[in-house]
């Protein structure tokens, strides 16, 4: 039975370091430049921007500094993932959420179609 409601796909959990930073920036732009649609995100724009900046800084330091920078990088990644999960849940729980709303936020909507048995 198909699920008629799309949700934010959580595939961003598998993104490589550079791609995760780009993805997070896309979410930042999608949610915080469309205040008429996303009225009350769970994280303020300044706090989300700080998560993205901290992640990008830690990722660069780890890439250029080696093993000693892995700890701060992992902490920044966990914090960013928590922020992305919170905003994804917020988008999923919006009234009358649609694939268009999910895409506007910057996330990828899950499939809602039906597939036939083989």
PDB file of N, CA and C in Angstrom:
ATOM      1  N   UNK A   1       0.849  -1.179   0.000  1.00  0.00           N
ATOM      2  CA  UNK A   1       0.000   0.000   0.000  1.00  0.00           C
ATOM      3  C   UNK A   1       0.892   1.240   0.000  1.00  0.00           C
ATOM      4  N   UNK A   2       0.664   2.158  -0.913  1.00  0.00           N
ATOM      5  CA  UNK A   2       1.524   3.334  -0.997  1.00  0.00           C
ATOM      6  C   UNK A   2       1.255   4.312   0.142  1.00  0.00           C
ATOM      7  N   UNK A   3       2.286   5.036   0.495  1.00  0.00           N
ATOM      8  CA  UNK A   3       2.154   6.089   1.485  1.00  0.00           C
ATOM      9  C   UNK A   3       1.866   7.374   0.720  1.00  0.00           C
ATOM     10  N   UNK A   4       0.664   7.958   0.872  1.00  0.00           N
ATOM     11  CA  UNK A   4       0.310   9.122   0.060  1.00  0.00           C
ATOM     12  C   UNK A   4       1.004  10.413   0.484  1.00  0.00           C
ATOM     13  N   UNK A   5       1.703  10.408   1.604  1.00  0.00           N
ATOM     14  CA  UNK A   5       2.339  11.618   2.101  1.00  0.00           C
ATOM     15  C   UNK A   5       3.850  11.503   1.961  1.00  0.00           C
ATOM     16  N   UNK A   6       4.451  12.496   1.313  1.00  0.00           N
ATOM     17  CA  UNK A   6       5.911  12.536   1.201  1.00  0.00           C
ATOM     18  C   UNK A   6       6.512  13.021   2.511  1.00  0.00           C
ATOM     19  N   UNK A   7       7.734  12.606   2.741  1.00  0.00           N
ATOM     20  CA  UNK A   7       8.504  13.061   3.888  1.00  0.00           C
ATOM     21  C   UNK A   7       9.888  13.448   3.404  1.00  0.00           C
ATOM     22  N   UNK A   8      10.638  14.128   4.257  1.00  0.00           N
ATOM     23  CA  UNK A   8      12.019  14.469   3.930  1.00  0.00           C
ATOM     24  C   UNK A   8      12.859  13.198   3.986  1.00  0.00           C
ATOM     25  N   UNK A   9      13.511  12.879   2.904  1.00  0.00           N
ATOM     26  CA  UNK A   9      14.380  11.707   2.874  1.00  0.00           C
ATOM     27  C   UNK A   9      15.594  11.973   3.755  1.00  0.00           C
ATOM     28  N   UNK A  10      16.042  10.959   4.463  1.00  0.00           N
ATOM     29  CA  UNK A  10      17.178  11.098   5.381  1.00  0.00           C
ATOM     30  C   UNK A  10      18.480  10.653   4.727  1.00  0.00           C
ATOM     31  N   UNK A  11      18.530  10.672   3.406  1.00  0.00           N
ATOM     32  CA  UNK A  11      19.732  10.227   2.704  1.00  0.00           C
ATOM     33  C   UNK A  11      20.941  11.127   2.937  1.00  0.00           C
ATOM     34  N   UNK A  12      20.719  12.303   3.494  1.00  0.00           N
ATOM     35  CA  UNK A  12      21.832  13.206   3.781  1.00  0.00           C
ATOM     36  C   UNK A  12      22.762  12.631   4.853  1.00  0.00           C
ATOM     37  N   UNK A  13      22.304  11.657   5.611  1.00  0.00           N
ATOM     38  CA  UNK A  13      23.150  11.024   6.626  1.00  0.00           C
ATOM     39  C   UNK A  13      24.320  10.277   5.990  1.00  0.00           C
ATOM     40  N   UNK A  14      24.217   9.956   4.712  1.00  0.00           N
ATOM     41  CA  UNK A  14      25.257   9.193   4.028  1.00  0.00           C
ATOM     42  C   UNK A  14      26.167  10.067   3.154  1.00  0.00           C
ATOM     43  N   UNK A  15      25.946  11.365   3.157  1.00  0.00           N
ATOM     44  CA  UNK A  15      26.718  12.245   2.279  1.00  0.00           C
ATOM     45  C   UNK A  15      28.169  12.363   2.730  1.00  0.00           C
ATOM     46  N   UNK A  16      29.056  12.514   1.763  1.00  0.00           N
ATOM     47  CA  UNK A  16      30.474  12.737   2.033  1.00  0.00           C
ATOM     48  C   UNK A  16      30.660  14.134   2.623  1.00  0.00           C
ATOM     49  N   UNK A  17      31.806  14.369   3.182  1.00  0.00           N
ATOM     50  CA  UNK A  17      32.093  15.604   3.906  1.00  0.00           C
ATOM     51  C   UNK A  17      31.757  16.863   3.114  1.00  0.00           C
ATOM     52  N   UNK A  18      32.283  16.997   1.911  1.00  0.00           N
ATOM     53  CA  UNK A  18      32.059  18.210   1.124  1.00  0.00           C
ATOM     54  C   UNK A  18      30.593  18.357   0.728  1.00  0.00           C
ATOM     55  N   UNK A  19      29.973  17.241   0.355  1.00  0.00           N
ATOM     56  CA  UNK A  19      28.588  17.288  -0.089  1.00  0.00           C
ATOM     57  C   UNK A  19      27.642  17.624   1.057  1.00  0.00           C
ATOM     58  N   UNK A  20      27.982  17.215   2.272  1.00  0.00           N
ATOM     59  CA  UNK A  20      27.130  17.526   3.419  1.00  0.00           C
ATOM     60  C   UNK A  20      27.121  19.025   3.690  1.00  0.00           C
ATOM     61  N   UNK A  21      28.259  19.673   3.559  1.00  0.00           N
ATOM     62  CA  UNK A  21      28.327  21.120   3.742  1.00  0.00           C
ATOM     63  C   UNK A  21      27.485  21.859   2.716  1.00  0.00           C
ATOM     64  N   UNK A  22      27.526  21.408   1.486  1.00  0.00           N
ATOM     65  CA  UNK A  22      26.720  22.016   0.415  1.00  0.00           C
ATOM     66  C   UNK A  22      25.235  21.778   0.677  1.00  0.00           C
ATOM     67  N   UNK A  23      24.891  20.566   1.086  1.00  0.00           N
ATOM     68  CA  UNK A  23      23.501  20.230   1.387  1.00  0.00           C
ATOM     69  C   UNK A  23      22.970  21.100   2.524  1.00  0.00           C
ATOM     70  N   UNK A  24      23.753  21.245   3.587  1.00  0.00           N
ATOM     71  CA  UNK A  24      23.323  22.051   4.734  1.00  0.00           C
ATOM     72  C   UNK A  24      23.106  23.508   4.322  1.00  0.00           C
ATOM     73  N   UNK A  25      23.959  24.027   3.460  1.00  0.00           N
ATOM     74  CA  UNK A  25      23.787  25.398   2.969  1.00  0.00           C
ATOM     75  C   UNK A  25      22.494  25.518   2.159  1.00  0.00           C
ATOM     76  N   UNK A  26      22.153  24.464   1.417  1.00  0.00           N
ATOM     77  CA  UNK A  26      20.898  24.461   0.641  1.00  0.00           C
ATOM     78  C   UNK A  26      19.687  24.499   1.573  1.00  0.00           C
ATOM     79  N   UNK A  27      19.747  23.756   2.676  1.00  0.00           N
ATOM     80  CA  UNK A  27      18.662  23.767   3.652  1.00  0.00           C
ATOM     81  C   UNK A  27      18.569  25.150   4.285  1.00  0.00           C
ATOM     82  N   UNK A  28      19.712  25.711   4.626  1.00  0.00           N
ATOM     83  CA  UNK A  28      19.752  27.039   5.232  1.00  0.00           C
ATOM     84  C   UNK A  28      19.071  28.060   4.329  1.00  0.00           C
ATOM     85  N   UNK A  29      19.385  28.024   3.056  1.00  0.00           N
ATOM     86  CA  UNK A  29      18.770  28.946   2.102  1.00  0.00           C
ATOM     87  C   UNK A  29      17.284  28.649   1.938  1.00  0.00           C
ATOM     88  N   UNK A  30      16.945  27.376   1.784  1.00  0.00           N
ATOM     89  CA  UNK A  30      15.555  26.995   1.542  1.00  0.00           C
ATOM     90  C   UNK A  30      14.613  27.385   2.666  1.00  0.00           C
ATOM     91  N   UNK A  31      14.990  27.112   3.878  1.00  0.00           N
ATOM     92  CA  UNK A  31      14.090  27.373   5.005  1.00  0.00           C
ATOM     93  C   UNK A  31      14.092  28.842   5.405  1.00  0.00           C
ATOM     94  N   UNK A  32      15.257  29.437   5.495  1.00  0.00           N
ATOM     95  CA  UNK A  32      15.331  30.775   6.079  1.00  0.00           C
ATOM     96  C   UNK A  32      15.122  31.911   5.082  1.00  0.00           C
ATOM     97  N   UNK A  33      15.042  31.615   3.779  1.00  0.00           N
ATOM     98  CA  UNK A  33      14.692  32.671   2.822  1.00  0.00           C
ATOM     99  C   UNK A  33      13.232  32.559   2.387  1.00  0.00           C
ATOM    100  N   UNK A  34      12.515  31.613   2.960  1.00  0.00           N
ATOM    101  CA  UNK A  34      11.090  31.446   2.658  1.00  0.00           C
ATOM    102  C   UNK A  34      10.284  31.501   3.957  1.00  0.00           C
ATOM    103  N   UNK A  35      10.415  32.630   4.652  1.00  0.00           N
ATOM    104  CA  UNK A  35       9.788  32.790   5.963  1.00  0.00           C
ATOM    105  C   UNK A  35       8.264  32.754   5.901  1.00  0.00           C
ATOM    106  N   UNK A  36       7.687  33.044   4.747  1.00  0.00           N
ATOM    107  CA  UNK A  36       6.228  32.995   4.644  1.00  0.00           C
ATOM    108  C   UNK A  36       5.717  31.558   4.655  1.00  0.00           C
ATOM    109  N   UNK A  37       6.559  30.605   4.244  1.00  0.00           N
ATOM    110  CA  UNK A  37       6.188  29.193   4.249  1.00  0.00           C
ATOM    111  C   UNK A  37       6.655  28.523   5.542  1.00  0.00           C
ATOM    112  N   UNK A  38       7.894  28.780   5.912  1.00  0.00           N
ATOM    113  CA  UNK A  38       8.486  28.169   7.104  1.00  0.00           C
ATOM    114  C   UNK A  38       8.500  29.215   8.217  1.00  0.00           C
ATOM    115  N   UNK A  39       7.358  29.352   8.860  1.00  0.00           N
ATOM    116  CA  UNK A  39       7.117  30.444   9.804  1.00  0.00           C
ATOM    117  C   UNK A  39       7.909  30.300  11.101  1.00  0.00           C
ATOM    118  N   UNK A  40       7.986  29.106  11.644  1.00  0.00           N
ATOM    119  CA  UNK A  40       8.633  28.952  12.954  1.00  0.00           C
ATOM    120  C   UNK A  40       9.559  27.730  12.994  1.00  0.00           C
ATOM    121  N   UNK A  41      10.684  27.797  12.297  1.00  0.00           N
ATOM    122  CA  UNK A  41      11.626  26.679  12.344  1.00  0.00           C
ATOM    123  C   UNK A  41      12.122  26.448  13.770  1.00  0.00           C
ATOM    124  N   UNK A  42      12.483  25.213  14.100  1.00  0.00           N
ATOM    125  CA  UNK A  42      12.901  24.890  15.466  1.00  0.00           C
ATOM    126  C   UNK A  42      14.260  25.466  15.862  1.00  0.00           C
ATOM    127  N   UNK A  43      15.031  25.897  14.879  1.00  0.00           N
ATOM    128  CA  UNK A  43      16.354  26.475  15.123  1.00  0.00           C
ATOM    129  C   UNK A  43      16.358  27.863  14.489  1.00  0.00           C
ATOM    130  N   UNK A  44      16.876  28.844  15.198  1.00  0.00           N
ATOM    131  CA  UNK A  44      16.924  30.189  14.626  1.00  0.00           C
ATOM    132  C   UNK A  44      17.891  30.214  13.443  1.00  0.00           C
ATOM    133  N   UNK A  45      17.717  31.204  12.614  1.00  0.00           N
ATOM    134  CA  UNK A  45      18.581  31.325  11.440  1.00  0.00           C
ATOM    135  C   UNK A  45      20.043  31.492  11.857  1.00  0.00           C
ATOM    136  N   UNK A  46      20.293  32.280  12.883  1.00  0.00           N
ATOM    137  CA  UNK A  46      21.663  32.505  13.346  1.00  0.00           C
ATOM    138  C   UNK A  46      22.283  31.218  13.888  1.00  0.00           C
ATOM    139  N   UNK A  47      21.506  30.448  14.639  1.00  0.00           N
ATOM    140  CA  UNK A  47      22.027  29.199  15.202  1.00  0.00           C
ATOM    141  C   UNK A  47      22.291  28.160  14.109  1.00  0.00           C
ATOM    142  N   UNK A  48      21.405  28.101  13.105  1.00  0.00           N
ATOM    143  CA  UNK A  48      21.625  27.151  12.018  1.00  0.00           C
ATOM    144  C   UNK A  48      22.857  27.550  11.209  1.00  0.00           C
ATOM    145  N   UNK A  49      22.996  28.846  10.955  1.00  0.00           N
ATOM    146  CA  UNK A  49      24.173  29.331  10.223  1.00  0.00           C
ATOM    147  C   UNK A  49      25.450  28.983  10.992  1.00  0.00           C
ATOM    148  N   UNK A  50      25.400  29.065  12.313  1.00  0.00           N
ATOM    149  CA  UNK A  50      26.562  28.723  13.137  1.00  0.00           C
ATOM    150  C   UNK A  50      26.890  27.231  13.025  1.00  0.00           C
ATOM    151  N   UNK A  51      25.856  26.375  12.991  1.00  0.00           N
ATOM    152  CA  UNK A  51      26.081  24.940  12.813  1.00  0.00           C
ATOM    153  C   UNK A  51      26.786  24.661  11.491  1.00  0.00           C
ATOM    154  N   UNK A  52      26.315  25.307  10.425  1.00  0.00           N
ATOM    155  CA  UNK A  52      26.898  25.106   9.092  1.00  0.00           C
ATOM    156  C   UNK A  52      28.327  25.630   9.058  1.00  0.00           C
ATOM    157  N   UNK A  53      28.548  26.824   9.598  1.00  0.00           N
ATOM    158  CA  UNK A  53      29.899  27.403   9.605  1.00  0.00           C
ATOM    159  C   UNK A  53      30.867  26.564  10.434  1.00  0.00           C
ATOM    160  N   UNK A  54      30.414  26.116  11.611  1.00  0.00           N
ATOM    161  CA  UNK A  54      31.274  25.280  12.466  1.00  0.00           C
ATOM    162  C   UNK A  54      31.643  23.982  11.761  1.00  0.00           C
ATOM    163  N   UNK A  55      30.667  23.392  11.074  1.00  0.00           N
ATOM    164  CA  UNK A  55      30.930  22.150  10.361  1.00  0.00           C
ATOM    165  C   UNK A  55      31.957  22.372   9.249  1.00  0.00           C
ATOM    166  N   UNK A  56      31.740  23.396   8.444  1.00  0.00           N
ATOM    167  CA  UNK A  56      32.655  23.665   7.328  1.00  0.00           C
ATOM    168  C   UNK A  56      34.068  23.977   7.825  1.00  0.00           C
ATOM    169  N   UNK A  57      34.177  24.734   8.907  1.00  0.00           N
ATOM    170  CA  UNK A  57      35.482  25.058   9.478  1.00  0.00           C
ATOM    171  C   UNK A  57      36.170  23.804  10.003  1.00  0.00           C
ATOM    172  N   UNK A  58      35.410  22.971  10.731  1.00  0.00           N
ATOM    173  CA  UNK A  58      35.975  21.738  11.285  1.00  0.00           C
ATOM    174  C   UNK A  58      36.361  20.759  10.175  1.00  0.00           C
ATOM    175  N   UNK A  59      35.552  20.685   9.116  1.00  0.00           N
ATOM    176  CA  UNK A  59      35.862  19.789   8.002  1.00  0.00           C
ATOM    177  C   UNK A  59      37.147  20.227   7.299  1.00  0.00           C
ATOM    178  N   UNK A  60      37.298  21.531   7.096  1.00  0.00           N
ATOM    179  CA  UNK A  60      38.526  22.045   6.476  1.00  0.00           C
ATOM    180  C   UNK A  60      39.740  21.778   7.352  1.00  0.00           C
ATOM    181  N   UNK A  61      39.583  21.988   8.653  1.00  0.00           N
ATOM    182  CA  UNK A  61      40.692  21.753   9.575  1.00  0.00           C
ATOM    183  C   UNK A  61      41.084  20.278   9.591  1.00  0.00           C
ATOM    184  N   UNK A  62      40.098  19.398   9.552  1.00  0.00           N
ATOM    185  CA  UNK A  62      40.379  17.960   9.544  1.00  0.00           C
ATOM    186  C   UNK A  62      41.060  17.549   8.242  1.00  0.00           C
ATOM    187  N   UNK A  63      40.582  18.097   7.142  1.00  0.00           N
ATOM    188  CA  UNK A  63      41.167  17.770   5.839  1.00  0.00           C
ATOM    189  C   UNK A  63      42.620  18.228   5.755  1.00  0.00           C
ATOM    190  N   UNK A  64      42.894  19.408   6.305  1.00  0.00           N
ATOM    191  CA  UNK A  64      44.240  19.976   6.200  1.00  0.00           C
ATOM    192  C   UNK A  64      45.132  19.688   7.410  1.00  0.00           C
ATOM    193  N   UNK A  65      44.533  19.333   8.543  1.00  0.00           N
ATOM    194  CA  UNK A  65      45.311  19.174   9.759  1.00  0.00           C
ATOM    195  C   UNK A  65      45.541  17.753  10.201  1.00  0.00           C
ATOM    196  N   UNK A  66      44.807  16.834   9.624  1.00  0.00           N
ATOM    197  CA  UNK A  66      45.030  15.435   9.946  1.00  0.00           C
ATOM    198  C   UNK A  66      44.262  14.928  11.153  1.00  0.00           C
ATOM    199  N   UNK A  67      44.778  13.823  11.697  1.00  0.00           N
ATOM    200  CA  UNK A  67      44.101  13.071  12.747  1.00  0.00           C
ATOM    201  C   UNK A  67      43.760  13.898  13.983  1.00  0.00           C
ATOM    202  N   UNK A  68      44.581  14.864  14.320  1.00  0.00           N
ATOM    203  CA  UNK A  68      44.342  15.665  15.515  1.00  0.00           C
ATOM    204  C   UNK A  68      43.046  16.467  15.419  1.00  0.00           C
ATOM    205  N   UNK A  69      42.573  16.700  14.220  1.00  0.00           N
ATOM    206  CA  UNK A  69      41.358  17.495  14.022  1.00  0.00           C
ATOM    207  C   UNK A  69      40.099  16.643  13.860  1.00  0.00           C
ATOM    208  N   UNK A  70      40.252  15.324  13.954  1.00  0.00           N
ATOM    209  CA  UNK A  70      39.109  14.442  13.731  1.00  0.00           C
ATOM    210  C   UNK A  70      38.037  14.603  14.806  1.00  0.00           C
ATOM    211  N   UNK A  71      38.420  14.731  16.053  1.00  0.00           N
ATOM    212  CA  UNK A  71      37.455  14.878  17.148  1.00  0.00           C
ATOM    213  C   UNK A  71      36.541  16.086  16.973  1.00  0.00           C
ATOM    214  N   UNK A  72      37.112  17.283  16.800  1.00  0.00           N
ATOM    215  CA  UNK A  72      36.260  18.457  16.576  1.00  0.00           C
ATOM    216  C   UNK A  72      35.381  18.325  15.326  1.00  0.00           C
ATOM    217  N   UNK A  73      35.918  17.686  14.283  1.00  0.00           N
ATOM    218  CA  UNK A  73      35.124  17.467  13.069  1.00  0.00           C
ATOM    219  C   UNK A  73      33.925  16.579  13.361  1.00  0.00           C
ATOM    220  N   UNK A  74      34.150  15.474  14.072  1.00  0.00           N
ATOM    221  CA  UNK A  74      33.045  14.561  14.374  1.00  0.00           C
ATOM    222  C   UNK A  74      31.988  15.230  15.250  1.00  0.00           C
ATOM    223  N   UNK A  75      32.410  16.047  16.200  1.00  0.00           N
ATOM    224  CA  UNK A  75      31.456  16.770  17.044  1.00  0.00           C
ATOM    225  C   UNK A  75      30.629  17.760  16.218  1.00  0.00           C
ATOM    226  N   UNK A  76      31.286  18.453  15.312  1.00  0.00           N
ATOM    227  CA  UNK A  76      30.574  19.406  14.450  1.00  0.00           C
ATOM    228  C   UNK A  76      29.606  18.685  13.519  1.00  0.00           C
ATOM    229  N   UNK A  77      29.998  17.512  13.036  1.00  0.00           N
ATOM    230  CA  UNK A  77      29.126  16.723  12.158  1.00  0.00           C
ATOM    231  C   UNK A  77      27.878  16.253  12.909  1.00  0.00           C
ATOM    232  N   UNK A  78      28.068  15.775  14.138  1.00  0.00           N
ATOM    233  CA  UNK A  78      26.929  15.326  14.947  1.00  0.00           C
ATOM    234  C   UNK A  78      25.973  16.498  15.216  1.00  0.00           C
ATOM    235  N   UNK A  79      26.521  17.653  15.558  1.00  0.00           N
ATOM    236  CA  UNK A  79      25.682  18.828  15.825  1.00  0.00           C
ATOM    237  C   UNK A  79      24.904  19.240  14.576  1.00  0.00           C
ATOM    238  N   UNK A  80      25.570  19.221  13.425  1.00  0.00           N
ATOM    239  CA  UNK A  80      24.899  19.577  12.179  1.00  0.00           C
ATOM    240  C   UNK A  80      23.803  18.571  11.846  1.00  0.00           C
ATOM    241  N   UNK A  81      24.079  17.290  12.021  1.00  0.00           N
ATOM    242  CA  UNK A  81      23.072  16.255  11.755  1.00  0.00           C
ATOM    243  C   UNK A  81      21.843  16.446  12.647  1.00  0.00           C
ATOM    244  N   UNK A  82      22.073  16.782  13.907  1.00  0.00           N
ATOM    245  CA  UNK A  82      20.946  17.032  14.809  1.00  0.00           C
ATOM    246  C   UNK A  82      20.113  18.209  14.308  1.00  0.00           C
ATOM    247  N   UNK A  83      20.782  19.255  13.847  1.00  0.00           N
ATOM    248  CA  UNK A  83      20.074  20.409  13.304  1.00  0.00           C
ATOM    249  C   UNK A  83      19.301  20.059  12.044  1.00  0.00           C
ATOM    250  N   UNK A  84      19.906  19.280  11.166  1.00  0.00           N
ATOM    251  CA  UNK A  84      19.221  18.858   9.947  1.00  0.00           C
ATOM    252  C   UNK A  84      18.032  17.952  10.264  1.00  0.00           C
ATOM    253  N   UNK A  85      18.212  17.060  11.242  1.00  0.00           N
ATOM    254  CA  UNK A  85      17.105  16.181  11.642  1.00  0.00           C
ATOM    255  C   UNK A  85      15.941  16.986  12.236  1.00  0.00           C
ATOM    256  N   UNK A  86      16.269  17.981  13.051  1.00  0.00           N
ATOM    257  CA  UNK A  86      15.225  18.814  13.650  1.00  0.00           C
ATOM    258  C   UNK A  86      14.443  19.583  12.592  1.00  0.00           C
ATOM    259  N   UNK A  87      15.157  20.163  11.629  1.00  0.00           N
ATOM    260  CA  UNK A  87      14.457  20.922  10.598  1.00  0.00           C
ATOM    261  C   UNK A  87      13.681  19.993   9.665  1.00  0.00           C
ATOM    262  N   UNK A  88      14.197  18.788   9.415  1.00  0.00           N
ATOM    263  CA  UNK A  88      13.464  17.821   8.584  1.00  0.00           C
ATOM    264  C   UNK A  88      12.169  17.406   9.278  1.00  0.00           C
ATOM    265  N   UNK A  89      12.234  17.165  10.569  1.00  0.00           N
ATOM    266  CA  UNK A  89      11.034  16.811  11.333  1.00  0.00           C
ATOM    267  C   UNK A  89      10.033  17.962  11.306  1.00  0.00           C
ATOM    268  N   UNK A  90      10.529  19.178  11.448  1.00  0.00           N
ATOM    269  CA  UNK A  90       9.662  20.359  11.384  1.00  0.00           C
ATOM    270  C   UNK A  90       8.933  20.422  10.038  1.00  0.00           C
ATOM    271  N   UNK A  91       9.661  20.231   8.960  1.00  0.00           N
ATOM    272  CA  UNK A  91       9.051  20.276   7.627  1.00  0.00           C
ATOM    273  C   UNK A  91       8.042  19.135   7.475  1.00  0.00           C
ATOM    274  N   UNK A  92       8.414  17.929   7.914  1.00  0.00           N
ATOM    275  CA  UNK A  92       7.507  16.776   7.814  1.00  0.00           C
ATOM    276  C   UNK A  92       6.200  16.994   8.571  1.00  0.00           C
ATOM    277  N   UNK A  93       6.261  17.687   9.699  1.00  0.00           N
ATOM    278  CA  UNK A  93       5.085  17.862  10.545  1.00  0.00           C
ATOM    279  C   UNK A  93       4.251  19.087  10.201  1.00  0.00           C
ATOM    280  N   UNK A  94       4.649  19.818   9.159  1.00  0.00           N
ATOM    281  CA  UNK A  94       3.863  20.979   8.751  1.00  0.00           C
ATOM    282  C   UNK A  94       2.503  20.528   8.245  1.00  0.00           C
ATOM    283  N   UNK A  95       1.515  21.378   8.446  1.00  0.00           N
ATOM    284  CA  UNK A  95       0.175  21.069   7.958  1.00  0.00           C
ATOM    285  C   UNK A  95       0.190  21.100   6.428  1.00  0.00           C
ATOM    286  N   UNK A  96      -0.435  20.100   5.828  1.00  0.00           N
ATOM    287  CA  UNK A  96      -0.537  19.997   4.367  1.00  0.00           C
ATOM    288  C   UNK A  96       0.820  20.004   3.666  1.00  0.00           C
ATOM    289  N   UNK A  97       1.775  19.288   4.237  1.00  0.00           N
ATOM    290  CA  UNK A  97       3.098  19.216   3.619  1.00  0.00           C
ATOM    291  C   UNK A  97       2.982  18.498   2.273  1.00  0.00           C
ATOM    292  N   UNK A  98       3.734  18.983   1.306  1.00  0.00           N
ATOM    293  CA  UNK A  98       3.713  18.387  -0.031  1.00  0.00           C
ATOM    294  C   UNK A  98       5.150  18.233  -0.528  1.00  0.00           C
ATOM    295  N   UNK A  99       5.281  17.554  -1.648  1.00  0.00           N
ATOM    296  CA  UNK A  99       6.607  17.409  -2.245  1.00  0.00           C
ATOM    297  C   UNK A  99       7.199  18.781  -2.579  1.00  0.00           C
ATOM    298  N   UNK A 100       6.356  19.708  -2.994  1.00  0.00           N
ATOM    299  CA  UNK A 100       6.825  21.046  -3.336  1.00  0.00           C
ATOM    300  C   UNK A 100       7.382  21.761  -2.102  1.00  0.00           C
ATOM    301  N   UNK A 101       6.725  21.618  -0.972  1.00  0.00           N
ATOM    302  CA  UNK A 101       7.190  22.246   0.270  1.00  0.00           C
ATOM    303  C   UNK A 101       8.514  21.644   0.709  1.00  0.00           C
ATOM    304  N   UNK A 102       8.612  20.329   0.619  1.00  0.00           N
ATOM    305  CA  UNK A 102       9.842  19.639   1.004  1.00  0.00           C
ATOM    306  C   UNK A 102      10.996  20.069   0.107  1.00  0.00           C
ATOM    307  N   UNK A 103      10.743  20.166  -1.176  1.00  0.00           N
ATOM    308  CA  UNK A 103      11.763  20.594  -2.128  1.00  0.00           C
ATOM    309  C   UNK A 103      12.156  22.048  -1.885  1.00  0.00           C
ATOM    310  N   UNK A 104      11.179  22.902  -1.570  1.00  0.00           N
ATOM    311  CA  UNK A 104      11.458  24.307  -1.282  1.00  0.00           C
ATOM    312  C   UNK A 104      12.371  24.440  -0.074  1.00  0.00           C
ATOM    313  N   UNK A 105      12.194  23.563   0.907  1.00  0.00           N
ATOM    314  CA  UNK A 105      13.047  23.581   2.097  1.00  0.00           C
ATOM    315  C   UNK A 105      14.470  23.136   1.782  1.00  0.00           C
ATOM    316  N   UNK A 106      14.650  22.421   0.673  1.00  0.00           N
ATOM    317  CA  UNK A 106      15.973  21.951   0.285  1.00  0.00           C
ATOM    318  C   UNK A 106      16.162  20.456   0.459  1.00  0.00           C
ATOM    319  N   UNK A 107      15.185  19.801   1.053  1.00  0.00           N
ATOM    320  CA  UNK A 107      15.263  18.347   1.239  1.00  0.00           C
ATOM    321  C   UNK A 107      14.769  17.624  -0.006  1.00  0.00           C
ATOM    322  N   UNK A 108      15.011  16.327  -0.048  1.00  0.00           N
ATOM    323  CA  UNK A 108      14.527  15.482  -1.126  1.00  0.00           C
ATOM    324  C   UNK A 108      13.289  14.751  -0.610  1.00  0.00           C
ATOM    325  N   UNK A 109      12.163  14.854  -1.320  1.00  0.00           N
ATOM    326  CA  UNK A 109      10.971  14.132  -0.864  1.00  0.00           C
ATOM    327  C   UNK A 109      11.090  12.631  -1.110  1.00  0.00           C
ATOM    328  N   UNK A 110      10.495  11.865  -0.201  1.00  0.00           N
ATOM    329  CA  UNK A 110      10.463  10.424  -0.396  1.00  0.00           C
ATOM    330  C   UNK A 110       9.461  10.106  -1.488  1.00  0.00           C
ATOM    331  N   UNK A 111       9.588   8.921  -2.058  1.00  0.00           N
ATOM    332  CA  UNK A 111       8.658   8.504  -3.114  1.00  0.00           C
ATOM    333  C   UNK A 111       7.311   8.158  -2.500  1.00  0.00           C
ATOM    334  N   UNK A 112       6.271   8.462  -3.225  1.00  0.00           N
ATOM    335  CA  UNK A 112       4.932   8.151  -2.750  1.00  0.00           C
ATOM    336  C   UNK A 112       4.194   7.239  -3.710  1.00  0.00           C
ATOM    337  N   UNK A 113       4.850   6.846  -4.785  1.00  0.00           N
ATOM    338  CA  UNK A 113       4.202   6.051  -5.811  1.00  0.00           C
ATOM    339  C   UNK A 113       3.980   4.602  -5.405  1.00  0.00           C
ATOM    340  N   UNK A 114       3.285   3.920  -6.248  1.00  0.00           N
ATOM    341  CA  UNK A 114       2.963   2.510  -6.015  1.00  0.00           C
ATOM    342  C   UNK A 114       3.724   1.686  -7.043  1.00  0.00           C
ATOM    343  N   UNK A 115       4.280   0.569  -6.620  1.00  0.00           N
ATOM    344  CA  UNK A 115       4.959  -0.298  -7.551  1.00  0.00           C
ATOM    345  C   UNK A 115       4.209  -1.628  -7.630  1.00  0.00           C
ATOM    346  N   UNK A 116       4.211  -2.217  -8.792  1.00  0.00           N
ATOM    347  CA  UNK A 116       3.517  -3.487  -8.999  1.00  0.00           C
ATOM    348  C   UNK A 116       4.386  -4.648  -8.551  1.00  0.00           C
ATOM    349  N   UNK A 117       3.748  -5.726  -8.163  1.00  0.00           N
ATOM    350  CA  UNK A 117       4.483  -6.914  -7.792  1.00  0.00           C
ATOM    351  C   UNK A 117       5.140  -7.522  -9.009  1.00  0.00           C
ATOM    352  N   UNK A 118       6.269  -8.140  -8.819  1.00  0.00           N
ATOM    353  CA  UNK A 118       7.009  -8.730  -9.934  1.00  0.00           C
ATOM    354  C   UNK A 118       6.574 -10.155 -10.109  1.00  0.00           C
TER     355      UNK A 118
END
